[in-house]
Amino acid sequence: MQQTGFSTKKNHQGLGLSNINQLKQKYPTLFVNYRINNNWFIFTLNIVGVDE
């Protein structure tokens, strides 16, 4: 599902979840959660701040 080009929607490029994966690799303070609730795909992104 998170691969570039994968989409369950017709005429879509399938870039959304793969872009999130790339961001997650680049920024270790991003926490991503995917789930399905009542046939809805729920995506949650938490960004945790880092004290410098």
PDB file of N, CA and C in Angstrom:
ATOM      1  N   MET A   1       0.803  -1.203   0.000  1.00  0.00           N
ATOM      2  CA  MET A   1       0.000   0.000   0.000  1.00  0.00           C
ATOM      3  C   MET A   1       0.847   1.267   0.000  1.00  0.00           C
ATOM      4  N   GLN A   2       2.025   1.177   0.578  1.00  0.00           N
ATOM      5  CA  GLN A   2       2.862   2.366   0.719  1.00  0.00           C
ATOM      6  C   GLN A   2       3.880   2.508  -0.400  1.00  0.00           C
ATOM      7  N   GLN A   3       3.760   1.683  -1.413  1.00  0.00           N
ATOM      8  CA  GLN A   3       4.691   1.758  -2.539  1.00  0.00           C
ATOM      9  C   GLN A   3       4.229   2.819  -3.531  1.00  0.00           C
ATOM     10  N   THR A   4       5.193   3.483  -4.133  1.00  0.00           N
ATOM     11  CA  THR A   4       4.889   4.476  -5.152  1.00  0.00           C
ATOM     12  C   THR A   4       4.108   3.826  -6.284  1.00  0.00           C
ATOM     13  N   GLY A   5       3.021   4.459  -6.664  1.00  0.00           N
ATOM     14  CA  GLY A   5       2.208   3.955  -7.772  1.00  0.00           C
ATOM     15  C   GLY A   5       1.023   3.109  -7.343  1.00  0.00           C
ATOM     16  N   PHE A   6       0.967   2.700  -6.060  1.00  0.00           N
ATOM     17  CA  PHE A   6      -0.160   1.894  -5.603  1.00  0.00           C
ATOM     18  C   PHE A   6      -1.317   2.811  -5.240  1.00  0.00           C
ATOM     19  N   SER A   7      -2.491   2.523  -5.778  1.00  0.00           N
ATOM     20  CA  SER A   7      -3.687   3.282  -5.441  1.00  0.00           C
ATOM     21  C   SER A   7      -4.906   2.386  -5.585  1.00  0.00           C
ATOM     22  N   THR A   8      -5.842   2.562  -4.690  1.00  0.00           N
ATOM     23  CA  THR A   8      -7.117   1.852  -4.810  1.00  0.00           C
ATOM     24  C   THR A   8      -8.132   2.709  -5.555  1.00  0.00           C
ATOM     25  N   LYS A   9      -7.742   3.926  -5.892  1.00  0.00           N
ATOM     26  CA  LYS A   9      -8.632   4.860  -6.585  1.00  0.00           C
ATOM     27  C   LYS A   9      -8.329   4.860  -8.072  1.00  0.00           C
ATOM     28  N   LYS A  10      -9.359   4.981  -8.851  1.00  0.00           N
ATOM     29  CA  LYS A  10      -9.204   5.041 -10.301  1.00  0.00           C
ATOM     30  C   LYS A  10      -8.567   6.367 -10.708  1.00  0.00           C
ATOM     31  N   ASN A  11      -7.621   6.304 -11.644  1.00  0.00           N
ATOM     32  CA  ASN A  11      -6.957   7.492 -12.202  1.00  0.00           C
ATOM     33  C   ASN A  11      -6.179   8.305 -11.161  1.00  0.00           C
ATOM     34  N   HIS A  12      -5.633   7.631 -10.149  1.00  0.00           N
ATOM     35  CA  HIS A  12      -4.779   8.293  -9.165  1.00  0.00           C
ATOM     36  C   HIS A  12      -3.361   7.770  -9.314  1.00  0.00           C
ATOM     37  N   GLN A  13      -2.386   8.576  -8.890  1.00  0.00           N
ATOM     38  CA  GLN A  13      -0.985   8.230  -9.081  1.00  0.00           C
ATOM     39  C   GLN A  13      -0.406   7.366  -7.967  1.00  0.00           C
ATOM     40  N   GLY A  14      -1.043   7.322  -6.802  1.00  0.00           N
ATOM     41  CA  GLY A  14      -0.534   6.508  -5.707  1.00  0.00           C
ATOM     42  C   GLY A  14       0.739   7.062  -5.093  1.00  0.00           C
ATOM     43  N   LEU A  15       0.748   8.353  -4.815  1.00  0.00           N
ATOM     44  CA  LEU A  15       1.946   8.984  -4.256  1.00  0.00           C
ATOM     45  C   LEU A  15       1.812   9.330  -2.779  1.00  0.00           C
ATOM     46  N   GLY A  16       0.617   9.457  -2.268  1.00  0.00           N
ATOM     47  CA  GLY A  16       0.382   9.953  -0.911  1.00  0.00           C
ATOM     48  C   GLY A  16       1.087   9.178   0.176  1.00  0.00           C
ATOM     49  N   LEU A  17       0.817   7.884   0.294  1.00  0.00           N
ATOM     50  CA  LEU A  17       1.399   7.095   1.375  1.00  0.00           C
ATOM     51  C   LEU A  17       2.894   6.880   1.183  1.00  0.00           C
ATOM     52  N   SER A  18       3.347   6.799  -0.053  1.00  0.00           N
ATOM     53  CA  SER A  18       4.792   6.657  -0.278  1.00  0.00           C
ATOM     54  C   SER A  18       5.517   7.949   0.100  1.00  0.00           C
ATOM     55  N   ASN A  19       4.894   9.094  -0.131  1.00  0.00           N
ATOM     56  CA  ASN A  19       5.489  10.370   0.302  1.00  0.00           C
ATOM     57  C   ASN A  19       5.594  10.431   1.818  1.00  0.00           C
ATOM     58  N   ILE A  20       4.569   9.954   2.502  1.00  0.00           N
ATOM     59  CA  ILE A  20       4.601   9.924   3.964  1.00  0.00           C
ATOM     60  C   ILE A  20       5.733   9.025   4.445  1.00  0.00           C
ATOM     61  N   ASN A  21       5.919   7.899   3.788  1.00  0.00           N
ATOM     62  CA  ASN A  21       7.015   6.990   4.145  1.00  0.00           C
ATOM     63  C   ASN A  21       8.374   7.672   4.006  1.00  0.00           C
ATOM     64  N   GLN A  22       8.555   8.434   2.949  1.00  0.00           N
ATOM     65  CA  GLN A  22       9.821   9.148   2.740  1.00  0.00           C
ATOM     66  C   GLN A  22      10.040  10.192   3.835  1.00  0.00           C
ATOM     67  N   LEU A  23       8.985  10.907   4.202  1.00  0.00           N
ATOM     68  CA  LEU A  23       9.095  11.896   5.277  1.00  0.00           C
ATOM     69  C   LEU A  23       9.435  11.229   6.607  1.00  0.00           C
ATOM     70  N   LYS A  24       8.809  10.076   6.853  1.00  0.00           N
ATOM     71  CA  LYS A  24       9.041   9.334   8.087  1.00  0.00           C
ATOM     72  C   LYS A  24      10.503   8.908   8.214  1.00  0.00           C
ATOM     73  N   GLN A  25      11.100   8.524   7.102  1.00  0.00           N
ATOM     74  CA  GLN A  25      12.505   8.119   7.108  1.00  0.00           C
ATOM     75  C   GLN A  25      13.434   9.311   7.340  1.00  0.00           C
ATOM     76  N   LYS A  26      13.031  10.461   6.821  1.00  0.00           N
ATOM     77  CA  LYS A  26      13.865  11.657   6.926  1.00  0.00           C
ATOM     78  C   LYS A  26      13.767  12.319   8.307  1.00  0.00           C
ATOM     79  N   TYR A  27      12.583  12.262   8.916  1.00  0.00           N
ATOM     80  CA  TYR A  27      12.342  12.918  10.198  1.00  0.00           C
ATOM     81  C   TYR A  27      11.907  11.887  11.234  1.00  0.00           C
ATOM     82  N   PRO A  28      12.798  11.505  12.128  1.00  0.00           N
ATOM     83  CA  PRO A  28      12.495  10.451  13.098  1.00  0.00           C
ATOM     84  C   PRO A  28      11.445  10.834  14.140  1.00  0.00           C
ATOM     85  N   THR A  29      11.077  12.099  14.218  1.00  0.00           N
ATOM     86  CA  THR A  29      10.067  12.504  15.204  1.00  0.00           C
ATOM     87  C   THR A  29       8.649  12.506  14.626  1.00  0.00           C
ATOM     88  N   LEU A  30       8.482  11.925  13.449  1.00  0.00           N
ATOM     89  CA  LEU A  30       7.142  11.746  12.871  1.00  0.00           C
ATOM     90  C   LEU A  30       6.646  10.355  13.225  1.00  0.00           C
ATOM     91  N   PHE A  31       5.441  10.282  13.725  1.00  0.00           N
ATOM     92  CA  PHE A  31       4.829   9.006  14.049  1.00  0.00           C
ATOM     93  C   PHE A  31       3.530   8.882  13.268  1.00  0.00           C
ATOM     94  N   VAL A  32       3.408   7.793  12.519  1.00  0.00           N
ATOM     95  CA  VAL A  32       2.287   7.611  11.606  1.00  0.00           C
ATOM     96  C   VAL A  32       1.476   6.394  12.044  1.00  0.00           C
ATOM     97  N   ASN A  33       0.167   6.522  11.976  1.00  0.00           N
ATOM     98  CA  ASN A  33      -0.718   5.417  12.286  1.00  0.00           C
ATOM     99  C   ASN A  33      -1.793   5.339  11.204  1.00  0.00           C
ATOM    100  N   TYR A  34      -2.029   4.124  10.707  1.00  0.00           N
ATOM    101  CA  TYR A  34      -3.076   3.881   9.721  1.00  0.00           C
ATOM    102  C   TYR A  34      -4.074   2.908  10.335  1.00  0.00           C
ATOM    103  N   ARG A  35      -5.349   3.123  10.086  1.00  0.00           N
ATOM    104  CA  ARG A  35      -6.361   2.164  10.526  1.00  0.00           C
ATOM    105  C   ARG A  35      -7.611   2.321   9.672  1.00  0.00           C
ATOM    106  N   ILE A  36      -8.476   1.345   9.766  1.00  0.00           N
ATOM    107  CA  ILE A  36      -9.763   1.399   9.070  1.00  0.00           C
ATOM    108  C   ILE A  36     -10.847   1.353  10.130  1.00  0.00           C
ATOM    109  N   ASN A  37     -11.792   2.280  10.027  1.00  0.00           N
ATOM    110  CA  ASN A  37     -12.886   2.372  10.983  1.00  0.00           C
ATOM    111  C   ASN A  37     -14.178   2.623  10.214  1.00  0.00           C
ATOM    112  N   ASN A  38     -15.118   1.697  10.289  1.00  0.00           N
ATOM    113  CA  ASN A  38     -16.391   1.819   9.569  1.00  0.00           C
ATOM    114  C   ASN A  38     -16.180   2.099   8.077  1.00  0.00           C
ATOM    115  N   ASN A  39     -15.281   1.342   7.470  1.00  0.00           N
ATOM    116  CA  ASN A  39     -14.946   1.462   6.047  1.00  0.00           C
ATOM    117  C   ASN A  39     -14.264   2.770   5.677  1.00  0.00           C
ATOM    118  N   TRP A  40     -13.779   3.510   6.651  1.00  0.00           N
ATOM    119  CA  TRP A  40     -13.002   4.725   6.408  1.00  0.00           C
ATOM    120  C   TRP A  40     -11.538   4.425   6.692  1.00  0.00           C
ATOM    121  N   PHE A  41     -10.665   4.893   5.819  1.00  0.00           N
ATOM    122  CA  PHE A  41      -9.226   4.782   6.029  1.00  0.00           C
ATOM    123  C   PHE A  41      -8.808   5.996   6.848  1.00  0.00           C
ATOM    124  N   ILE A  42      -8.271   5.759   8.032  1.00  0.00           N
ATOM    125  CA  ILE A  42      -7.883   6.839   8.940  1.00  0.00           C
ATOM    126  C   ILE A  42      -6.357   6.901   8.989  1.00  0.00           C
ATOM    127  N   PHE A  43      -5.848   8.075   8.748  1.00  0.00           N
ATOM    128  CA  PHE A  43      -4.401   8.316   8.759  1.00  0.00           C
ATOM    129  C   PHE A  43      -4.138   9.376   9.825  1.00  0.00           C
ATOM    130  N   THR A  44      -3.257   9.055  10.765  1.00  0.00           N
ATOM    131  CA  THR A  44      -2.903  10.002  11.820  1.00  0.00           C
ATOM    132  C   THR A  44      -1.405  10.246  11.765  1.00  0.00           C
ATOM    133  N   LEU A  45      -1.033  11.515  11.784  1.00  0.00           N
ATOM    134  CA  LEU A  45       0.376  11.904  11.760  1.00  0.00           C
ATOM    135  C   LEU A  45       0.643  12.758  12.992  1.00  0.00           C
ATOM    136  N   ASN A  46       1.566  12.298  13.821  1.00  0.00           N
ATOM    137  CA  ASN A  46       1.981  13.061  15.002  1.00  0.00           C
ATOM    138  C   ASN A  46       3.398  13.547  14.790  1.00  0.00           C
ATOM    139  N   ILE A  47       3.598  14.826  15.016  1.00  0.00           N
ATOM    140  CA  ILE A  47       4.919  15.423  14.905  1.00  0.00           C
ATOM    141  C   ILE A  47       5.348  15.827  16.307  1.00  0.00           C
ATOM    142  N   VAL A  48       6.417  15.201  16.775  1.00  0.00           N
ATOM    143  CA  VAL A  48       6.906  15.470  18.120  1.00  0.00           C
ATOM    144  C   VAL A  48       8.063  16.442  18.017  1.00  0.00           C
ATOM    145  N   GLY A  49       7.980  17.527  18.772  1.00  0.00           N
ATOM    146  CA  GLY A  49       9.043  18.524  18.769  1.00  0.00           C
ATOM    147  C   GLY A  49      10.271  18.032  19.496  1.00  0.00           C
ATOM    148  N   VAL A  50      11.389  18.558  19.108  1.00  0.00           N
ATOM    149  CA  VAL A  50      12.665  18.196  19.735  1.00  0.00           C
ATOM    150  C   VAL A  50      13.256  19.460  20.337  1.00  0.00           C
ATOM    151  N   ASP A  51      13.550  19.408  21.628  1.00  0.00           N
ATOM    152  CA  ASP A  51      14.200  20.543  22.279  1.00  0.00           C
ATOM    153  C   ASP A  51      15.656  20.599  21.863  1.00  0.00           C
ATOM    154  N   GLU A  52      16.107  21.755  21.465  1.00  0.00           N
ATOM    155  CA  GLU A  52      17.507  21.887  21.044  1.00  0.00           C
ATOM    156  C   GLU A  52      18.286  22.658  22.066  1.00  0.00           C
TER     157      GLU A  52
END
